[in-house]
Amino acid sequence: MDFMNRVKSGATDVGQRAQKAGRDHRTRVETAQARERVESLLRDLGLAVYLEHRDGPSADATTEIERLTGAIARHEAESGPIPAELTARA
């Protein structure tokens, strides 16, 4: 019976490690997806600000800038602050 107890214990340990690995992977994927979303929002905001500067103020540009800044604020509220390397000036 001692052998079977060790086998069961080993199987339980392997199962727990597999679950932890799955959770860790899911966290990394979610973090990468959140980063991609905020990068996209920041890129779109930069483009909207540039176009407004180039073409002059317009209601559409102002609306788009407000929409994007709101989306970025929501992202920060849900996912935490924007990573420093995305906000550093080159």
N, C-alpha and C. Protein backbone atom coordinates (compact mmCIF):
# COMPACT_ATOMS: atom_id res chain seq x y z
N MET A 1 0.80 -1.20 0.00
CA MET A 1 0.00 0.00 0.00
C MET A 1 0.85 1.27 0.00
N ASP A 2 2.02 1.20 0.62
CA ASP A 2 2.88 2.37 0.69
C ASP A 2 3.24 2.87 -0.71
N PHE A 3 3.51 1.95 -1.62
CA PHE A 3 3.83 2.30 -3.00
C PHE A 3 2.67 3.04 -3.65
N MET A 4 1.46 2.55 -3.47
CA MET A 4 0.27 3.18 -4.06
C MET A 4 0.05 4.58 -3.49
N ASN A 5 0.32 4.76 -2.21
CA ASN A 5 0.17 6.09 -1.61
C ASN A 5 1.16 7.07 -2.22
N ARG A 6 2.37 6.60 -2.48
CA ARG A 6 3.38 7.47 -3.10
C ARG A 6 2.97 7.81 -4.54
N VAL A 7 2.42 6.85 -5.24
CA VAL A 7 1.96 7.08 -6.62
C VAL A 7 0.83 8.11 -6.62
N LYS A 8 -0.12 7.95 -5.71
CA LYS A 8 -1.24 8.90 -5.62
C LYS A 8 -0.74 10.29 -5.26
N SER A 9 0.20 10.34 -4.32
CA SER A 9 0.75 11.63 -3.90
C SER A 9 1.48 12.30 -5.07
N GLY A 10 2.24 11.50 -5.80
CA GLY A 10 2.96 12.04 -6.96
C GLY A 10 2.01 12.55 -8.03
N ALA A 11 0.94 11.80 -8.25
CA ALA A 11 -0.05 12.22 -9.26
C ALA A 11 -0.73 13.51 -8.84
N THR A 12 -1.03 13.62 -7.56
CA THR A 12 -1.65 14.85 -7.06
C THR A 12 -0.71 16.03 -7.24
N ASP A 13 0.58 15.82 -6.93
CA ASP A 13 1.58 16.88 -7.07
C ASP A 13 1.71 17.33 -8.53
N VAL A 14 1.74 16.37 -9.42
CA VAL A 14 1.84 16.69 -10.85
C VAL A 14 0.61 17.46 -11.29
N GLY A 15 -0.56 17.05 -10.83
CA GLY A 15 -1.79 17.74 -11.19
C GLY A 15 -1.80 19.18 -10.69
N GLN A 16 -1.33 19.39 -9.48
CA GLN A 16 -1.28 20.74 -8.92
C GLN A 16 -0.30 21.61 -9.68
N ARG A 17 0.84 21.04 -10.05
CA ARG A 17 1.82 21.81 -10.84
C ARG A 17 1.26 22.18 -12.22
N ALA A 18 0.53 21.25 -12.81
CA ALA A 18 -0.08 21.53 -14.12
C ALA A 18 -1.11 22.64 -14.02
N GLN A 19 -1.91 22.63 -12.96
CA GLN A 19 -2.90 23.70 -12.77
C GLN A 19 -2.21 25.04 -12.57
N LYS A 20 -1.14 25.06 -11.77
CA LYS A 20 -0.41 26.31 -11.56
C LYS A 20 0.20 26.82 -12.87
N ALA A 21 0.76 25.90 -13.64
CA ALA A 21 1.34 26.29 -14.93
C ALA A 21 0.26 26.87 -15.84
N GLY A 22 -0.93 26.27 -15.82
CA GLY A 22 -2.03 26.79 -16.62
C GLY A 22 -2.45 28.19 -16.18
N ARG A 23 -2.53 28.40 -14.87
CA ARG A 23 -2.89 29.73 -14.36
C ARG A 23 -1.82 30.76 -14.72
N ASP A 24 -0.55 30.38 -14.57
CA ASP A 24 0.55 31.28 -14.91
C ASP A 24 0.52 31.67 -16.39
N HIS A 25 0.26 30.68 -17.23
CA HIS A 25 0.19 30.94 -18.67
C HIS A 25 -0.96 31.88 -18.99
N ARG A 26 -2.12 31.61 -18.39
CA ARG A 26 -3.29 32.45 -18.62
C ARG A 26 -3.01 33.89 -18.20
N THR A 27 -2.32 34.07 -17.07
CA THR A 27 -1.97 35.41 -16.60
C THR A 27 -1.05 36.11 -17.59
N ARG A 28 -0.05 35.38 -18.10
CA ARG A 28 0.86 35.99 -19.08
C ARG A 28 0.13 36.39 -20.36
N VAL A 29 -0.78 35.55 -20.82
CA VAL A 29 -1.55 35.86 -22.03
C VAL A 29 -2.42 37.09 -21.79
N GLU A 30 -3.11 37.14 -20.66
CA GLU A 30 -3.98 38.28 -20.35
C GLU A 30 -3.17 39.57 -20.24
N THR A 31 -1.98 39.49 -19.65
CA THR A 31 -1.11 40.66 -19.53
C THR A 31 -0.67 41.14 -20.92
N ALA A 32 -0.30 40.22 -21.77
CA ALA A 32 0.13 40.59 -23.13
C ALA A 32 -1.04 41.19 -23.92
N GLN A 33 -2.23 40.64 -23.77
CA GLN A 33 -3.38 41.18 -24.48
C GLN A 33 -3.72 42.59 -23.98
N ALA A 34 -3.63 42.80 -22.68
CA ALA A 34 -3.91 44.13 -22.12
C ALA A 34 -2.89 45.13 -22.64
N ARG A 35 -1.64 44.72 -22.72
CA ARG A 35 -0.59 45.60 -23.23
C ARG A 35 -0.85 45.96 -24.69
N GLU A 36 -1.23 44.97 -25.49
CA GLU A 36 -1.54 45.23 -26.90
C GLU A 36 -2.70 46.20 -27.03
N ARG A 37 -3.73 46.04 -26.19
CA ARG A 37 -4.89 46.94 -26.25
C ARG A 37 -4.47 48.38 -25.94
N VAL A 38 -3.69 48.57 -24.87
CA VAL A 38 -3.32 49.93 -24.51
C VAL A 38 -2.36 50.52 -25.54
N GLU A 39 -1.47 49.70 -26.11
CA GLU A 39 -0.59 50.21 -27.17
C GLU A 39 -1.42 50.70 -28.35
N SER A 40 -2.44 49.95 -28.71
CA SER A 40 -3.31 50.34 -29.82
C SER A 40 -4.05 51.64 -29.51
N LEU A 41 -4.57 51.75 -28.28
CA LEU A 41 -5.26 52.97 -27.88
C LEU A 41 -4.32 54.17 -27.91
N LEU A 42 -3.11 54.00 -27.40
CA LEU A 42 -2.15 55.10 -27.39
C LEU A 42 -1.74 55.50 -28.81
N ARG A 43 -1.56 54.51 -29.68
CA ARG A 43 -1.22 54.80 -31.07
C ARG A 43 -2.35 55.57 -31.75
N ASP A 44 -3.59 55.13 -31.53
CA ASP A 44 -4.75 55.80 -32.13
C ASP A 44 -4.90 57.22 -31.58
N LEU A 45 -4.64 57.38 -30.28
CA LEU A 45 -4.71 58.72 -29.69
C LEU A 45 -3.65 59.63 -30.29
N GLY A 46 -2.45 59.11 -30.44
CA GLY A 46 -1.39 59.90 -31.06
C GLY A 46 -1.75 60.34 -32.47
N LEU A 47 -2.33 59.44 -33.23
CA LEU A 47 -2.75 59.76 -34.59
C LEU A 47 -3.85 60.82 -34.57
N ALA A 48 -4.82 60.67 -33.69
CA ALA A 48 -5.93 61.64 -33.62
C ALA A 48 -5.41 63.03 -33.25
N VAL A 49 -4.48 63.09 -32.30
CA VAL A 49 -3.92 64.38 -31.90
C VAL A 49 -3.12 64.98 -33.05
N TYR A 50 -2.33 64.17 -33.74
CA TYR A 50 -1.57 64.66 -34.88
C TYR A 50 -2.49 65.20 -35.96
N LEU A 51 -3.54 64.44 -36.30
CA LEU A 51 -4.46 64.89 -37.35
C LEU A 51 -5.16 66.18 -36.95
N GLU A 52 -5.51 66.31 -35.68
CA GLU A 52 -6.14 67.55 -35.22
C GLU A 52 -5.16 68.71 -35.33
N HIS A 53 -3.91 68.46 -34.99
CA HIS A 53 -2.89 69.51 -35.09
C HIS A 53 -2.65 69.89 -36.55
N ARG A 54 -2.60 68.89 -37.43
CA ARG A 54 -2.34 69.13 -38.84
C ARG A 54 -3.51 69.81 -39.53
N ASP A 55 -4.73 69.30 -39.27
CA ASP A 55 -5.91 69.76 -39.99
C ASP A 55 -6.70 70.83 -39.25
N GLY A 56 -6.34 71.09 -38.01
CA GLY A 56 -7.08 72.05 -37.20
C GLY A 56 -8.18 71.35 -36.41
N PRO A 57 -8.65 72.01 -35.38
CA PRO A 57 -9.67 71.41 -34.52
C PRO A 57 -10.97 71.14 -35.28
N SER A 58 -11.60 70.07 -34.91
CA SER A 58 -12.91 69.75 -35.46
C SER A 58 -13.68 68.96 -34.41
N ALA A 59 -14.99 68.96 -34.55
CA ALA A 59 -15.83 68.24 -33.59
C ALA A 59 -15.52 66.74 -33.62
N ASP A 60 -15.30 66.20 -34.82
CA ASP A 60 -14.99 64.77 -34.94
C ASP A 60 -13.68 64.42 -34.24
N ALA A 61 -12.66 65.25 -34.44
CA ALA A 61 -11.36 64.98 -33.81
C ALA A 61 -11.47 65.07 -32.30
N THR A 62 -12.16 66.08 -31.81
CA THR A 62 -12.33 66.24 -30.37
C THR A 62 -13.08 65.06 -29.78
N THR A 63 -14.12 64.62 -30.46
CA THR A 63 -14.90 63.47 -29.99
C THR A 63 -14.03 62.22 -29.95
N GLU A 64 -13.22 62.01 -30.98
CA GLU A 64 -12.36 60.83 -31.04
C GLU A 64 -11.30 60.88 -29.93
N ILE A 65 -10.71 62.04 -29.70
CA ILE A 65 -9.71 62.18 -28.64
C ILE A 65 -10.34 61.91 -27.28
N GLU A 66 -11.53 62.43 -27.06
CA GLU A 66 -12.23 62.18 -25.79
C GLU A 66 -12.57 60.70 -25.63
N ARG A 67 -12.99 60.05 -26.70
CA ARG A 67 -13.31 58.62 -26.65
C ARG A 67 -12.08 57.81 -26.29
N LEU A 68 -10.96 58.14 -26.94
CA LEU A 68 -9.73 57.39 -26.69
C LEU A 68 -9.18 57.63 -25.29
N THR A 69 -9.21 58.87 -24.83
CA THR A 69 -8.71 59.13 -23.47
C THR A 69 -9.60 58.45 -22.44
N GLY A 70 -10.90 58.39 -22.70
CA GLY A 70 -11.80 57.67 -21.81
C GLY A 70 -11.50 56.17 -21.80
N ALA A 71 -11.23 55.61 -22.98
CA ALA A 71 -10.90 54.19 -23.08
C ALA A 71 -9.58 53.88 -22.36
N ILE A 72 -8.61 54.77 -22.47
CA ILE A 72 -7.34 54.58 -21.78
C ILE A 72 -7.55 54.66 -20.27
N ALA A 73 -8.36 55.60 -19.81
CA ALA A 73 -8.64 55.72 -18.38
C ALA A 73 -9.34 54.46 -17.86
N ARG A 74 -10.28 53.92 -18.62
CA ARG A 74 -10.95 52.68 -18.22
C ARG A 74 -9.96 51.52 -18.18
N HIS A 75 -9.08 51.48 -19.16
CA HIS A 75 -8.06 50.43 -19.19
C HIS A 75 -7.19 50.51 -17.93
N GLU A 76 -6.78 51.71 -17.56
CA GLU A 76 -5.95 51.87 -16.36
C GLU A 76 -6.72 51.46 -15.10
N ALA A 77 -7.99 51.77 -15.05
CA ALA A 77 -8.80 51.40 -13.89
C ALA A 77 -8.93 49.88 -13.78
N GLU A 78 -9.01 49.20 -14.92
CA GLU A 78 -9.19 47.75 -14.92
C GLU A 78 -7.87 47.00 -14.82
N SER A 79 -6.83 47.50 -15.49
CA SER A 79 -5.59 46.74 -15.63
C SER A 79 -4.40 47.35 -14.91
N GLY A 80 -4.58 48.51 -14.31
CA GLY A 80 -3.46 49.17 -13.65
C GLY A 80 -2.82 50.20 -14.55
N PRO A 81 -1.80 50.86 -14.04
CA PRO A 81 -1.17 51.94 -14.81
C PRO A 81 -0.51 51.43 -16.09
N ILE A 82 -0.37 52.35 -17.02
CA ILE A 82 0.29 52.04 -18.28
C ILE A 82 1.77 51.79 -17.98
N PRO A 83 2.36 50.74 -18.55
CA PRO A 83 3.78 50.47 -18.31
C PRO A 83 4.65 51.68 -18.66
N ALA A 84 5.63 51.94 -17.82
CA ALA A 84 6.48 53.13 -17.99
C ALA A 84 7.15 53.18 -19.35
N GLU A 85 7.54 52.03 -19.90
CA GLU A 85 8.23 52.05 -21.19
C GLU A 85 7.32 52.50 -22.32
N LEU A 86 6.01 52.48 -22.12
CA LEU A 86 5.08 52.97 -23.14
C LEU A 86 4.83 54.47 -23.03
N THR A 87 5.14 55.04 -21.89
CA THR A 87 4.90 56.46 -21.70
C THR A 87 6.18 57.29 -21.69
N ALA A 88 7.35 56.62 -21.75
CA ALA A 88 8.63 57.34 -21.76
C ALA A 88 8.81 58.02 -23.11
N ARG A 89 9.36 59.18 -23.05
CA ARG A 89 9.63 59.92 -24.30
C ARG A 89 10.99 59.50 -24.85
N ALA A 90 11.03 59.33 -26.14
CA ALA A 90 12.29 58.88 -26.77
C ALA A 90 13.22 60.04 -27.00
